[in-house]
Protein backbone atom coordinates (compact mmCIF):
# COMPACT_ATOMS: atom_id res chain seq x y z
CA UNK A 1 -19.22 -14.00 24.03
CA UNK A 2 -19.68 -16.36 20.72
CA UNK A 3 -17.25 -18.86 19.49
CA UNK A 4 -16.15 -18.22 16.01
CA UNK A 5 -14.52 -20.32 13.90
CA UNK A 6 -11.05 -18.91 12.56
CA UNK A 7 -9.77 -19.47 8.90
CA UNK A 8 -6.16 -18.65 8.07
CA UNK A 9 -4.94 -19.28 4.73
CA UNK A 10 -2.35 -18.08 2.35
CA UNK A 11 -2.83 -16.36 -0.75
CA UNK A 12 -2.82 -19.25 -2.80
CA UNK A 13 -5.10 -21.26 -0.55
CA UNK A 14 -7.99 -18.68 -0.87
CA UNK A 15 -10.64 -19.95 -3.00
CA UNK A 16 -12.49 -17.11 -5.57
CA UNK A 17 -15.39 -16.87 -3.12
CA UNK A 18 -13.34 -16.11 -0.12
CA UNK A 19 -10.76 -13.87 -1.96
CA UNK A 20 -13.99 -11.95 -3.28
CA UNK A 21 -15.68 -11.48 0.37
CA UNK A 22 -12.29 -10.50 1.90
CA UNK A 23 -11.56 -7.69 -0.62
CA UNK A 24 -15.47 -6.81 -0.73
CA UNK A 25 -14.78 -6.17 2.99
CA UNK A 26 -11.75 -4.44 2.95
CA UNK A 27 -13.35 -1.83 0.20
CA UNK A 28 -16.81 -1.43 2.30
CA UNK A 29 -14.84 -0.44 5.41
CA UNK A 30 -11.61 1.17 4.11
CA UNK A 31 -12.77 2.92 0.82
CA UNK A 32 -16.46 3.74 1.32
CA UNK A 33 -16.87 4.07 5.02
CA UNK A 34 -13.15 5.61 6.20
CA UNK A 35 -13.17 7.42 2.60
CA UNK A 36 -9.42 6.36 2.46
CA UNK A 37 -8.68 6.63 -1.32
CA UNK A 38 -5.26 4.67 -1.82
CA UNK A 39 -4.20 1.52 -3.28
CA UNK A 40 -6.00 -1.04 -1.39
CA UNK A 41 -4.62 -3.95 -3.49
CA UNK A 42 -0.99 -3.08 -2.87
CA UNK A 43 0.47 -6.88 -4.10
CA UNK A 44 1.63 -7.54 -0.73
CA UNK A 45 -1.62 -9.90 -0.39
CA UNK A 46 0.26 -12.57 -2.23
CA UNK A 47 3.21 -13.02 0.12
CA UNK A 48 0.51 -12.55 3.32
CA UNK A 49 -1.46 -14.93 5.39
CA UNK A 50 -5.23 -14.23 5.63
CA UNK A 51 -7.25 -14.75 8.97
CA UNK A 52 -10.79 -14.25 9.27
CA UNK A 53 -14.16 -15.12 10.61
CA UNK A 54 -17.79 -15.59 9.04
CA UNK A 55 -21.14 -15.20 10.26
CA UNK A 56 -24.40 -15.97 8.27
CA UNK A 57 -21.83 -16.53 5.04
CA UNK A 58 -20.30 -13.24 5.33
CA UNK A 59 -16.68 -12.22 6.41
CA UNK A 60 -17.53 -10.24 9.53
CA UNK A 61 -13.54 -9.75 10.94
CA UNK A 62 -10.54 -10.13 9.09
CA UNK A 63 -6.73 -9.06 9.36
CA UNK A 64 -3.82 -9.52 6.96
CA UNK A 65 -0.57 -11.17 8.80
CA UNK A 66 2.23 -9.92 6.75
CA UNK A 67 5.96 -11.88 7.04
CA UNK A 68 9.10 -9.89 8.30
CA UNK A 69 10.65 -7.90 5.56
CA UNK A 70 7.56 -7.07 3.72
CA UNK A 71 6.03 -3.97 5.56
CA UNK A 72 8.73 -3.58 8.39
CA UNK A 73 11.70 -5.62 9.39
CA UNK A 74 9.62 -7.65 11.80
CA UNK A 75 6.56 -9.22 11.32
CA UNK A 76 3.23 -7.23 11.12
CA UNK A 77 -0.79 -7.50 11.50
CA UNK A 78 -2.44 -5.09 8.81
CA UNK A 79 -5.87 -4.53 7.02
CA UNK A 80 -7.69 -4.91 11.07
CA UNK A 81 -11.17 -4.96 9.95
CA UNK A 82 -14.42 -5.71 11.84
CA UNK A 83 -17.52 -5.35 9.89
CA UNK A 84 -19.71 -2.45 11.29
CA UNK A 85 -22.71 -5.07 12.64
CA UNK A 86 -20.16 -7.00 14.81
CA UNK A 87 -18.35 -4.11 16.20
CA UNK A 88 -19.00 -3.56 20.35
CA UNK A 89 -19.06 -7.09 20.43
CA UNK A 90 -15.60 -7.96 21.95
CA UNK A 91 -14.70 -9.58 18.18
CA UNK A 92 -11.81 -7.12 17.86
CA UNK A 93 -9.88 -8.30 20.91
CA UNK A 94 -10.69 -11.99 19.63
CA UNK A 95 -9.37 -11.24 16.21
CA UNK A 96 -6.25 -9.40 17.24
CA UNK A 97 -5.48 -12.36 19.96
CA UNK A 98 -6.21 -14.93 16.96
CA UNK A 99 -4.04 -12.92 14.59
CA UNK A 100 -1.02 -12.37 17.29
CA UNK A 101 -1.00 -16.03 18.15
CA UNK A 102 -1.17 -16.95 14.68
CA UNK A 103 2.09 -14.70 13.17
CA UNK A 104 3.84 -16.41 16.30
CA UNK A 105 3.34 -19.88 15.20
CA UNK A 106 4.10 -18.75 11.45
CA UNK A 107 6.82 -16.37 11.86
CA UNK A 108 8.17 -16.76 15.14
CA UNK A 109 7.66 -15.01 18.39
CA UNK A 110 9.73 -11.75 17.69
CA UNK A 111 8.68 -8.01 17.92
CA UNK A 112 5.20 -7.12 15.76
CA UNK A 113 4.85 -3.74 14.44
CA UNK A 114 1.74 -2.25 13.48
CA UNK A 115 0.52 1.03 11.68
CA UNK A 116 -2.36 1.75 14.04
CA UNK A 117 -5.06 4.00 13.60
CA UNK A 118 -4.59 6.71 16.39
CA UNK A 119 -7.69 6.70 17.99
CA UNK A 120 -7.31 3.12 18.72
CA UNK A 121 -3.81 3.53 20.20
CA UNK A 122 -5.53 2.69 23.80
CA UNK A 123 -7.06 -0.73 22.34
CA UNK A 124 -3.48 -2.00 20.71
CA UNK A 125 -1.95 -0.88 24.32
CA UNK A 126 -4.26 -3.38 25.93
CA UNK A 127 -2.90 -5.87 23.80
CA UNK A 128 0.84 -5.39 24.62
CA UNK A 129 1.73 -2.63 21.99
CA UNK A 130 3.71 0.56 22.68
CA UNK A 131 3.83 3.69 20.66
CA UNK A 132 6.97 4.23 18.78
CA UNK A 133 6.30 7.29 16.66
CA UNK A 134 4.52 10.57 16.69
CA UNK A 135 1.08 10.57 14.79
CA UNK A 136 1.41 11.09 10.89
CA UNK A 137 -1.10 11.43 8.70
CA UNK A 138 -1.73 8.26 6.07
CA UNK A 139 -4.59 8.77 3.77
CA UNK A 140 -6.61 11.40 5.67
CA UNK A 141 -6.37 9.29 8.78
CA UNK A 142 -3.76 9.83 11.67
CA UNK A 143 -1.76 6.87 12.14
CA UNK A 144 0.99 6.00 14.86
CA UNK A 145 3.50 2.97 14.50
CA UNK A 146 3.59 0.61 17.42
CA UNK A 147 5.59 -2.50 18.53
CA UNK A 148 4.70 -5.43 20.36
CA UNK A 149 7.83 -6.67 22.12
CA UNK A 150 9.24 -10.12 21.26
CA UNK A 151 7.93 -13.01 23.87
């Protein structure tokens, strides 16, 4: 498995090239590939931390680390993306492990809540998350709320 260099920045620390590449990947996956017509730019980015890795000057994996009280009472991980060409390589697991570790470091080791795509339930369960809601549609894709207990 390749070793990746992980970047973690607040919104204000992002340079314009990084911001552009993050938003481009989010649009490619969520809007074009998954055909989700929703407000991708939701103003939460300003208060979040942004975690990503690159390959050949392209962002190939990204998450948005959300502080407690913004999306849920708990801290959260959102906008989880692995670029199509990097899927099936184990990068998704690495991305989530780095996201969880970074969230604990930045916001404490409390519960983490996520809104996960339902078809990825077992992936998140292997990372310690537990389903806490019935499946619900979110912009045409079935989701569930999940919580990872505090350490």
